[in-house]
N, C-alpha and C. Protein backbone atom coordinates (compact mmCIF):
# COMPACT_ATOMS: atom_id res chain seq x y z
N MET A 1 29.43 40.85 18.19
CA MET A 1 30.49 42.03 18.17
C MET A 1 31.90 41.40 18.80
N LYS A 2 31.30 40.88 19.67
CA LYS A 2 32.95 40.96 20.40
C LYS A 2 33.69 40.05 19.67
N ARG A 3 33.13 38.88 19.30
CA ARG A 3 34.01 37.35 18.76
C ARG A 3 35.08 38.19 17.35
N HIS A 4 34.18 38.99 16.50
CA HIS A 4 34.62 39.77 15.56
C HIS A 4 35.95 40.98 15.85
N THR A 5 35.69 41.78 16.87
CA THR A 5 37.07 43.29 17.48
C THR A 5 37.82 41.46 18.09
N LEU A 6 37.39 40.59 18.33
CA LEU A 6 38.87 39.54 18.94
C LEU A 6 39.18 39.24 17.97
N LEU A 7 38.52 38.65 16.83
CA LEU A 7 39.49 38.23 15.93
C LEU A 7 40.36 39.23 15.28
N ALA A 8 40.12 40.29 15.12
CA ALA A 8 41.18 41.25 14.06
C ALA A 8 42.13 42.02 14.61
N ALA A 9 41.67 41.83 16.69
CA ALA A 9 42.68 42.23 17.45
C ALA A 9 43.81 41.25 17.14
N LEU A 10 43.29 39.75 16.99
CA LEU A 10 43.62 38.56 17.11
C LEU A 10 45.06 38.57 15.75
N MET A 11 44.51 38.98 14.93
CA MET A 11 45.53 39.33 13.33
C MET A 11 45.89 39.94 13.26
N LEU A 12 45.89 41.32 13.45
CA LEU A 12 47.18 42.34 13.76
C LEU A 12 47.91 41.97 15.09
N SER A 13 48.23 41.24 15.81
CA SER A 13 48.80 40.96 16.60
C SER A 13 50.03 40.32 15.90
N ALA A 14 49.34 39.52 15.44
CA ALA A 14 49.88 38.22 14.53
C ALA A 14 50.53 38.96 13.33
N LEU A 15 50.22 39.86 12.95
CA LEU A 15 50.76 40.74 11.88
C LEU A 15 52.18 41.45 12.63
N ALA A 16 51.81 42.26 13.66
CA ALA A 16 53.18 42.70 13.95
C ALA A 16 53.89 41.92 14.74
N MET A 17 54.01 40.79 15.07
CA MET A 17 54.61 39.80 15.62
C MET A 17 55.68 38.77 14.25
N GLN A 18 55.46 39.07 13.20
CA GLN A 18 56.09 38.67 12.37
C GLN A 18 57.23 39.33 11.81
N PRO A 19 57.95 40.43 11.96
CA PRO A 19 59.21 40.88 12.40
C PRO A 19 59.83 40.29 13.25
N VAL A 20 59.29 39.87 14.25
CA VAL A 20 60.06 39.79 15.76
C VAL A 20 60.57 38.49 14.93
N LEU A 21 59.92 37.25 14.55
CA LEU A 21 60.03 36.07 14.31
C LEU A 21 60.77 35.61 13.27
N ALA A 22 61.16 36.95 12.74
CA ALA A 22 62.05 36.66 11.38
C ALA A 22 63.59 35.85 11.39
N GLU A 23 64.20 35.31 10.93
CA GLU A 23 65.88 34.55 11.03
C GLU A 23 65.84 34.99 10.39
N ASP A 24 67.65 35.98 10.94
CA ASP A 24 68.25 37.20 10.31
C ASP A 24 69.28 36.47 9.90
N ALA A 25 69.88 35.46 10.37
CA ALA A 25 71.37 34.53 10.17
C ALA A 25 71.35 33.76 8.80
N HIS A 26 70.50 34.37 8.22
CA HIS A 26 70.43 33.49 6.51
C HIS A 26 70.98 35.00 5.49
N HIS A 27 70.85 35.73 6.25
CA HIS A 27 71.03 37.08 5.65
C HIS A 27 71.34 38.29 6.04
N PRO A 28 72.77 37.23 6.08
CA PRO A 28 73.91 38.54 7.09
C PRO A 28 74.31 40.00 6.43
N ASP A 29 73.85 40.10 4.77
CA ASP A 29 74.12 41.14 3.90
C ASP A 29 72.69 42.62 4.50
N GLN A 30 71.68 42.61 5.15
CA GLN A 30 70.90 42.95 6.13
C GLN A 30 71.47 43.33 6.70
N LYS A 31 71.19 44.85 7.55
CA LYS A 31 70.94 45.74 8.60
C LYS A 31 70.23 44.76 9.33
N ALA A 32 70.02 44.66 11.29
CA ALA A 32 68.93 44.07 11.47
C ALA A 32 67.85 45.59 11.81
N GLY A 33 66.94 45.03 11.62
CA GLY A 33 65.41 45.65 11.66
C GLY A 33 65.38 46.06 10.54
N GLU A 34 66.02 45.88 8.99
CA GLU A 34 65.81 46.22 7.41
C GLU A 34 65.08 45.12 7.04
N MET A 35 63.84 45.91 6.53
CA MET A 35 63.02 45.40 5.86
C MET A 35 63.25 45.55 4.26
N ALA A 36 62.75 44.36 3.53
CA ALA A 36 63.02 44.35 2.16
C ALA A 36 61.35 44.81 1.72
N PRO A 37 61.66 45.49 0.65
CA PRO A 37 60.69 46.99 0.11
C PRO A 37 59.03 45.67 -0.21
N ALA A 38 60.09 44.19 -0.80
CA ALA A 38 58.63 43.57 -1.01
C ALA A 38 57.86 43.59 0.30
N ALA A 39 58.46 42.84 1.02
CA ALA A 39 57.88 42.68 2.33
C ALA A 39 56.70 43.99 3.12
N ASP A 40 57.75 44.80 2.46
CA ASP A 40 57.19 45.92 3.53
C ASP A 40 55.33 46.41 2.99
N GLN A 41 55.59 46.44 1.23
CA GLN A 41 54.89 46.90 0.34
C GLN A 41 53.35 45.43 0.74
N ALA A 42 53.85 43.90 1.07
CA ALA A 42 52.62 43.11 1.90
C ALA A 42 52.58 43.51 3.05
N ILE A 43 53.33 44.03 4.04
CA ILE A 43 52.47 44.10 5.07
C ILE A 43 51.79 45.06 5.27
N GLN A 44 51.93 46.69 4.22
CA GLN A 44 50.62 47.13 3.75
C GLN A 44 49.43 47.17 3.24
N LYS A 45 50.01 46.29 2.42
CA LYS A 45 48.35 45.93 1.86
C LYS A 45 47.92 44.87 2.92
N MET A 46 48.00 43.68 3.65
CA MET A 46 47.98 43.70 4.51
C MET A 46 46.64 43.88 5.56
N GLN A 47 47.75 45.37 6.25
CA GLN A 47 46.71 46.51 7.09
C GLN A 47 45.64 47.06 6.00
N VAL A 48 45.28 47.42 4.64
CA VAL A 48 44.45 48.08 4.20
C VAL A 48 43.33 46.70 4.39
N ASN A 49 43.90 45.99 3.83
CA ASN A 49 42.77 44.14 3.87
C ASN A 49 42.07 44.04 5.12
N THR A 50 43.14 44.07 6.12
CA THR A 50 42.20 44.16 7.57
C THR A 50 41.18 45.65 8.04
N LYS A 51 41.97 46.33 7.34
CA LYS A 51 41.05 47.65 7.76
C LYS A 51 39.00 47.72 7.18
N ARG A 52 39.89 47.13 5.47
CA ARG A 52 38.25 47.19 5.00
C ARG A 52 37.69 46.14 6.02
N MET A 53 37.99 45.14 5.51
CA MET A 53 37.69 43.72 6.72
C MET A 53 37.18 44.13 8.10
N GLN A 54 37.30 44.88 8.93
CA GLN A 54 36.95 45.31 9.98
C GLN A 54 35.52 46.01 9.62
N ILE A 55 35.84 46.86 8.64
CA ILE A 55 34.64 48.24 8.20
C ILE A 55 33.26 47.17 7.71
N GLN A 56 33.59 46.04 6.96
CA GLN A 56 32.49 45.44 6.89
C GLN A 56 31.91 44.87 7.86
N LEU A 57 32.95 44.05 8.84
CA LEU A 57 32.19 43.48 9.94
C LEU A 57 31.23 44.28 11.12
N ASP A 58 32.16 45.70 11.11
CA ASP A 58 30.74 46.76 11.04
C ASP A 58 29.66 46.57 11.09
N VAL A 59 29.87 47.11 9.36
CA VAL A 59 28.56 47.21 8.65
C VAL A 59 27.71 46.12 8.58
N ILE A 60 28.01 45.10 9.02
CA ILE A 60 27.21 43.51 9.08
C ILE A 60 26.97 43.45 10.51
N SER A 61 27.31 44.33 11.79
CA SER A 61 27.00 43.97 12.68
C SER A 61 25.73 44.89 13.23
N GLN A 62 25.52 45.83 12.18
CA GLN A 62 24.62 46.99 12.46
C GLN A 62 23.27 46.46 11.93
C-alpha cells in the first residue's frame, strides 16, 4: 500500500509542477500565470483520472 500511495503522491506532485516548468518566453501575448483553456481542461481530466486510479488501487489493496 505504501508503494501505491508514494506513486500517487509522485504523480500529483509532477502534475502540480507543470505550470512552474512552463516556458513563457515564446508566448509574449499571454499574461504570466494565465493558462490556455485546453491546458486547463487537460489538467482537470488528469486529476479525475488520478482520483479514479487511486480509488482502484484502494479497492485492489483491500
